[in-house]
Amino acid sequence: MEAHYRGAYTDEYLDGPVEAERLGVWSTRFGDPTGTSTVIAELEGALVGFVHLIHDAEPEFGPLVDNLHVRHDMQRSGLGRELMARAARESARARPGRPMHLWVLEQNTRAQAFYRALGGEEADRRDSVPPGGGGNITAIRIVWRDPASLLT
């Protein structure tokens, strides 16, 4: 998490409560997965990536890809593309005919390039205060109007 959020989130947050806060969020999500889908990727029994969708986060934009993570040494292996394809399948299953979207930090240009290479289009931007406080951050909404495009 630190690599992509350092500079956007405060060092105090990233060096302090972020791990406990994330553990609480994921414990809650897995405790009641209603309205969500999570796909995990394993290699030789080790977790190497996952994608998590919230089906009804914003009906206008369809299911929200709330998290996509690929272990650093597995990046550029095609795993991120495969997880996004799995997200598209889950999106189509859960909310047929709806778009799919995610939010990416403005500073994370590498992720933006990845999502655009997969056919995602910028829909809008929003400013907010990051977890742990600090200045404002800008997030960009990337939308796939037809998530099936990720399956080819």
C-alpha atoms as a PDB file:
ATOM      1  CA  MET A   1       0.000   0.000   0.000  1.00  0.00           C
ATOM      2  CA  GLU A   2       2.783   2.378   0.863  1.00  0.00           C
ATOM      3  CA  ALA A   3       4.305   2.513  -2.620  1.00  0.00           C
ATOM      4  CA  HIS A   4       1.156   3.894  -4.229  1.00  0.00           C
ATOM      5  CA  TYR A   5      -0.089   6.087  -1.393  1.00  0.00           C
ATOM      6  CA  ARG A   6       3.111   7.621   0.002  1.00  0.00           C
ATOM      7  CA  GLY A   7       2.877  11.330  -0.654  1.00  0.00           C
ATOM      8  CA  ALA A   8      -0.921  11.270  -0.918  1.00  0.00           C
ATOM      9  CA  TYR A   9      -1.515   9.941   2.602  1.00  0.00           C
ATOM     10  CA  THR A  10       0.417  11.169   5.602  1.00  0.00           C
ATOM     11  CA  ASP A  11       3.512   9.274   6.708  1.00  0.00           C
ATOM     12  CA  GLU A  12       1.996   9.066  10.194  1.00  0.00           C
ATOM     13  CA  TYR A  13      -1.015   7.191   8.821  1.00  0.00           C
ATOM     14  CA  LEU A  14       1.014   4.865   6.572  1.00  0.00           C
ATOM     15  CA  ASP A  15       3.575   4.160   9.288  1.00  0.00           C
ATOM     16  CA  GLY A  16       0.957   3.821  12.013  1.00  0.00           C
ATOM     17  CA  PRO A  17      -2.700   2.790  12.029  1.00  0.00           C
ATOM     18  CA  VAL A  18      -3.126   1.816   8.358  1.00  0.00           C
ATOM     19  CA  GLU A  19      -2.509  -1.894   8.932  1.00  0.00           C
ATOM     20  CA  ALA A  20      -4.975  -2.176  11.819  1.00  0.00           C
ATOM     21  CA  GLU A  21      -7.526  -0.045   9.957  1.00  0.00           C
ATOM     22  CA  ARG A  22      -7.273  -2.227   6.822  1.00  0.00           C
ATOM     23  CA  LEU A  23      -7.535  -5.406   8.894  1.00  0.00           C
ATOM     24  CA  GLY A  24     -10.770  -4.075  10.383  1.00  0.00           C
ATOM     25  CA  VAL A  25     -12.193  -3.198   6.965  1.00  0.00           C
ATOM     26  CA  TRP A  26     -11.386  -6.604   5.470  1.00  0.00           C
ATOM     27  CA  SER A  27     -12.615  -8.491   8.534  1.00  0.00           C
ATOM     28  CA  THR A  28     -15.949  -6.714   8.186  1.00  0.00           C
ATOM     29  CA  ARG A  29     -16.097  -7.355   4.433  1.00  0.00           C
ATOM     30  CA  PHE A  30     -15.367 -11.059   4.751  1.00  0.00           C
ATOM     31  CA  GLY A  31     -17.668 -11.346   7.769  1.00  0.00           C
ATOM     32  CA  ASP A  32     -20.612 -10.175   5.650  1.00  0.00           C
ATOM     33  CA  PRO A  33     -19.838 -10.405   1.928  1.00  0.00           C
ATOM     34  CA  THR A  34     -23.411  -9.554   0.884  1.00  0.00           C
ATOM     35  CA  GLY A  35     -23.408  -7.468  -2.291  1.00  0.00           C
ATOM     36  CA  THR A  36     -19.728  -8.032  -3.004  1.00  0.00           C
ATOM     37  CA  SER A  37     -17.448 -10.385  -4.894  1.00  0.00           C
ATOM     38  CA  THR A  38     -13.797 -11.117  -4.196  1.00  0.00           C
ATOM     39  CA  VAL A  39     -11.553 -13.086  -6.520  1.00  0.00           C
ATOM     40  CA  ILE A  40      -8.160 -14.166  -5.247  1.00  0.00           C
ATOM     41  CA  ALA A  41      -5.121 -15.386  -7.165  1.00  0.00           C
ATOM     42  CA  GLU A  42      -2.763 -17.915  -5.654  1.00  0.00           C
ATOM     43  CA  LEU A  43       0.544 -19.317  -6.801  1.00  0.00           C
ATOM     44  CA  GLU A  44       1.849 -22.416  -5.065  1.00  0.00           C
ATOM     45  CA  GLY A  45      -0.472 -21.764  -2.128  1.00  0.00           C
ATOM     46  CA  ALA A  46       0.562 -18.121  -1.676  1.00  0.00           C
ATOM     47  CA  LEU A  47      -1.742 -15.148  -2.251  1.00  0.00           C
ATOM     48  CA  VAL A  48      -0.377 -13.128  -5.190  1.00  0.00           C
ATOM     49  CA  GLY A  49      -3.318 -10.881  -5.985  1.00  0.00           C
ATOM     50  CA  PHE A  50      -6.998 -10.150  -5.601  1.00  0.00           C
ATOM     51  CA  VAL A  51      -9.817  -7.998  -6.866  1.00  0.00           C
ATOM     52  CA  HIS A  52     -12.838  -6.927  -4.802  1.00  0.00           C
ATOM     53  CA  LEU A  53     -16.119  -5.557  -6.171  1.00  0.00           C
ATOM     54  CA  ILE A  54     -18.978  -3.788  -4.456  1.00  0.00           C
ATOM     55  CA  HIS A  55     -22.016  -4.398  -6.657  1.00  0.00           C
ATOM     56  CA  ASP A  56     -24.232  -1.466  -5.695  1.00  0.00           C
ATOM     57  CA  ALA A  57     -21.776   1.250  -4.687  1.00  0.00           C
ATOM     58  CA  GLU A  58     -22.994   3.708  -7.326  1.00  0.00           C
ATOM     59  CA  PRO A  59     -25.762   2.358  -9.575  1.00  0.00           C
ATOM     60  CA  GLU A  60     -25.123   4.891 -12.360  1.00  0.00           C
ATOM     61  CA  PHE A  61     -21.582   3.570 -12.798  1.00  0.00           C
ATOM     62  CA  GLY A  62     -22.230  -0.094 -11.982  1.00  0.00           C
ATOM     63  CA  PRO A  63     -20.146  -2.283  -9.702  1.00  0.00           C
ATOM     64  CA  LEU A  64     -17.137  -0.645  -8.078  1.00  0.00           C
ATOM     65  CA  VAL A  65     -13.740  -2.317  -8.302  1.00  0.00           C
ATOM     66  CA  ASP A  66     -12.906  -1.298  -4.767  1.00  0.00           C
ATOM     67  CA  ASN A  67      -9.522  -3.003  -4.649  1.00  0.00           C
ATOM     68  CA  LEU A  68      -7.181  -4.525  -7.189  1.00  0.00           C
ATOM     69  CA  HIS A  69      -3.844  -5.687  -5.851  1.00  0.00           C
ATOM     70  CA  VAL A  70      -1.095  -7.705  -7.469  1.00  0.00           C
ATOM     71  CA  ARG A  71       1.982  -8.664  -5.490  1.00  0.00           C
ATOM     72  CA  HIS A  72       4.903  -6.500  -6.603  1.00  0.00           C
ATOM     73  CA  ASP A  73       6.971  -9.354  -8.076  1.00  0.00           C
ATOM     74  CA  MET A  74       3.925 -10.524 -10.080  1.00  0.00           C
ATOM     75  CA  GLN A  75       3.217  -7.161 -11.702  1.00  0.00           C
ATOM     76  CA  ARG A  76       3.545  -7.076 -15.484  1.00  0.00           C
ATOM     77  CA  SER A  77       2.871 -10.820 -15.599  1.00  0.00           C
ATOM     78  CA  GLY A  78      -0.688 -10.530 -16.940  1.00  0.00           C
ATOM     79  CA  LEU A  79      -2.197 -11.246 -13.532  1.00  0.00           C
ATOM     80  CA  GLY A  80      -3.727  -7.760 -13.198  1.00  0.00           C
ATOM     81  CA  ARG A  81      -5.352  -8.120 -16.617  1.00  0.00           C
ATOM     82  CA  GLU A  82      -6.707 -11.550 -15.645  1.00  0.00           C
ATOM     83  CA  LEU A  83      -8.083 -10.241 -12.343  1.00  0.00           C
ATOM     84  CA  MET A  84      -9.802  -7.380 -14.170  1.00  0.00           C
ATOM     85  CA  ALA A  85     -11.327  -9.920 -16.578  1.00  0.00           C
ATOM     86  CA  ARG A  86     -12.585 -11.901 -13.582  1.00  0.00           C
ATOM     87  CA  ALA A  87     -14.002  -8.669 -12.137  1.00  0.00           C
ATOM     88  CA  ALA A  88     -15.801  -8.047 -15.433  1.00  0.00           C
ATOM     89  CA  ARG A  89     -17.306 -11.558 -15.314  1.00  0.00           C
ATOM     90  CA  GLU A  90     -18.481 -10.997 -11.744  1.00  0.00           C
ATOM     91  CA  SER A  91     -19.828  -7.577 -12.668  1.00  0.00           C
ATOM     92  CA  ALA A  92     -21.810  -9.023 -15.597  1.00  0.00           C
ATOM     93  CA  ARG A  93     -23.103 -11.871 -13.432  1.00  0.00           C
ATOM     94  CA  ALA A  94     -24.175  -9.630 -10.565  1.00  0.00           C
ATOM     95  CA  ARG A  95     -25.384  -6.605 -12.554  1.00  0.00           C
ATOM     96  CA  PRO A  96     -25.900  -7.559 -16.219  1.00  0.00           C
ATOM     97  CA  GLY A  97     -25.845  -4.687 -18.685  1.00  0.00           C
ATOM     98  CA  ARG A  98     -24.304  -2.260 -16.191  1.00  0.00           C
ATOM     99  CA  PRO A  99     -20.953  -0.514 -16.507  1.00  0.00           C
ATOM    100  CA  MET A 100     -18.110  -1.124 -14.037  1.00  0.00           C
ATOM    101  CA  HIS A 101     -15.850   1.497 -12.473  1.00  0.00           C
ATOM    102  CA  LEU A 102     -13.033   2.238 -10.059  1.00  0.00           C
ATOM    103  CA  TRP A 103     -11.235   5.178  -8.511  1.00  0.00           C
ATOM    104  CA  VAL A 104      -7.492   5.728  -8.918  1.00  0.00           C
ATOM    105  CA  LEU A 105      -5.348   8.423  -7.346  1.00  0.00           C
ATOM    106  CA  GLU A 106      -4.263  11.168  -9.711  1.00  0.00           C
ATOM    107  CA  GLN A 107      -0.645  10.615  -8.705  1.00  0.00           C
ATOM    108  CA  ASN A 108      -0.798   6.909  -9.635  1.00  0.00           C
ATOM    109  CA  THR A 109      -0.083   7.416 -13.320  1.00  0.00           C
ATOM    110  CA  ARG A 110       1.130   3.841 -13.784  1.00  0.00           C
ATOM    111  CA  ALA A 111      -2.240   2.435 -12.700  1.00  0.00           C
ATOM    112  CA  GLN A 112      -4.064   4.977 -14.852  1.00  0.00           C
ATOM    113  CA  ALA A 113      -2.089   3.845 -17.895  1.00  0.00           C
ATOM    114  CA  PHE A 114      -2.910   0.212 -17.084  1.00  0.00           C
ATOM    115  CA  TYR A 115      -6.647   0.907 -16.795  1.00  0.00           C
ATOM    116  CA  ARG A 116      -6.692   2.959 -19.992  1.00  0.00           C
ATOM    117  CA  ALA A 117      -4.842   0.168 -21.818  1.00  0.00           C
ATOM    118  CA  LEU A 118      -7.706  -2.083 -20.725  1.00  0.00           C
ATOM    119  CA  GLY A 119     -10.226   0.288 -22.321  1.00  0.00           C
ATOM    120  CA  GLY A 120     -11.226   2.258 -19.223  1.00  0.00           C
ATOM    121  CA  GLU A 121     -12.256   5.869 -19.751  1.00  0.00           C
ATOM    122  CA  GLU A 122     -12.066   8.803 -17.356  1.00  0.00           C
ATOM    123  CA  ALA A 123     -15.562   9.798 -16.246  1.00  0.00           C
ATOM    124  CA  ASP A 124     -14.875  12.389 -13.557  1.00  0.00           C
ATOM    125  CA  ARG A 125     -12.646  13.458 -10.682  1.00  0.00           C
ATOM    126  CA  ARG A 126     -13.171  14.213  -7.041  1.00  0.00           C
ATOM    127  CA  ASP A 127     -11.145  15.776  -4.276  1.00  0.00           C
ATOM    128  CA  SER A 128     -11.222  14.477  -0.731  1.00  0.00           C
ATOM    129  CA  VAL A 129      -9.248  14.398   2.484  1.00  0.00           C
ATOM    130  CA  PRO A 130      -7.247  11.161   2.723  1.00  0.00           C
ATOM    131  CA  PRO A 131      -7.495   8.743   5.652  1.00  0.00           C
ATOM    132  CA  GLY A 132      -5.355  10.035   8.480  1.00  0.00           C
ATOM    133  CA  GLY A 133      -5.846  13.644   7.422  1.00  0.00           C
ATOM    134  CA  GLY A 134      -3.441  15.875   5.592  1.00  0.00           C
ATOM    135  CA  GLY A 135      -4.099  17.836   2.435  1.00  0.00           C
ATOM    136  CA  ASN A 136      -6.518  17.031  -0.328  1.00  0.00           C
ATOM    137  CA  ILE A 137      -6.106  14.194  -2.780  1.00  0.00           C
ATOM    138  CA  THR A 138      -7.644  13.876  -6.228  1.00  0.00           C
ATOM    139  CA  ALA A 139      -9.103  10.615  -7.453  1.00  0.00           C
ATOM    140  CA  ILE A 140     -10.094   9.835 -11.026  1.00  0.00           C
ATOM    141  CA  ARG A 141     -13.093   7.654 -11.832  1.00  0.00           C
ATOM    142  CA  ILE A 142     -12.321   5.156 -14.606  1.00  0.00           C
ATOM    143  CA  VAL A 143     -15.342   3.497 -16.232  1.00  0.00           C
ATOM    144  CA  TRP A 144     -15.862   0.530 -18.513  1.00  0.00           C
ATOM    145  CA  ARG A 145     -19.236   1.159 -20.160  1.00  0.00           C
ATOM    146  CA  ASP A 146     -19.196  -2.458 -21.349  1.00  0.00           C
ATOM    147  CA  PRO A 147     -17.201  -4.604 -18.932  1.00  0.00           C
ATOM    148  CA  ALA A 148     -17.339  -7.471 -21.449  1.00  0.00           C
ATOM    149  CA  SER A 149     -14.643  -5.574 -23.351  1.00  0.00           C
ATOM    150  CA  LEU A 150     -12.224  -6.779 -20.658  1.00  0.00           C
ATOM    151  CA  LEU A 151     -12.902 -10.392 -21.599  1.00  0.00           C
ATOM    152  CA  THR A 152     -11.238 -10.234 -25.025  1.00  0.00           C
END
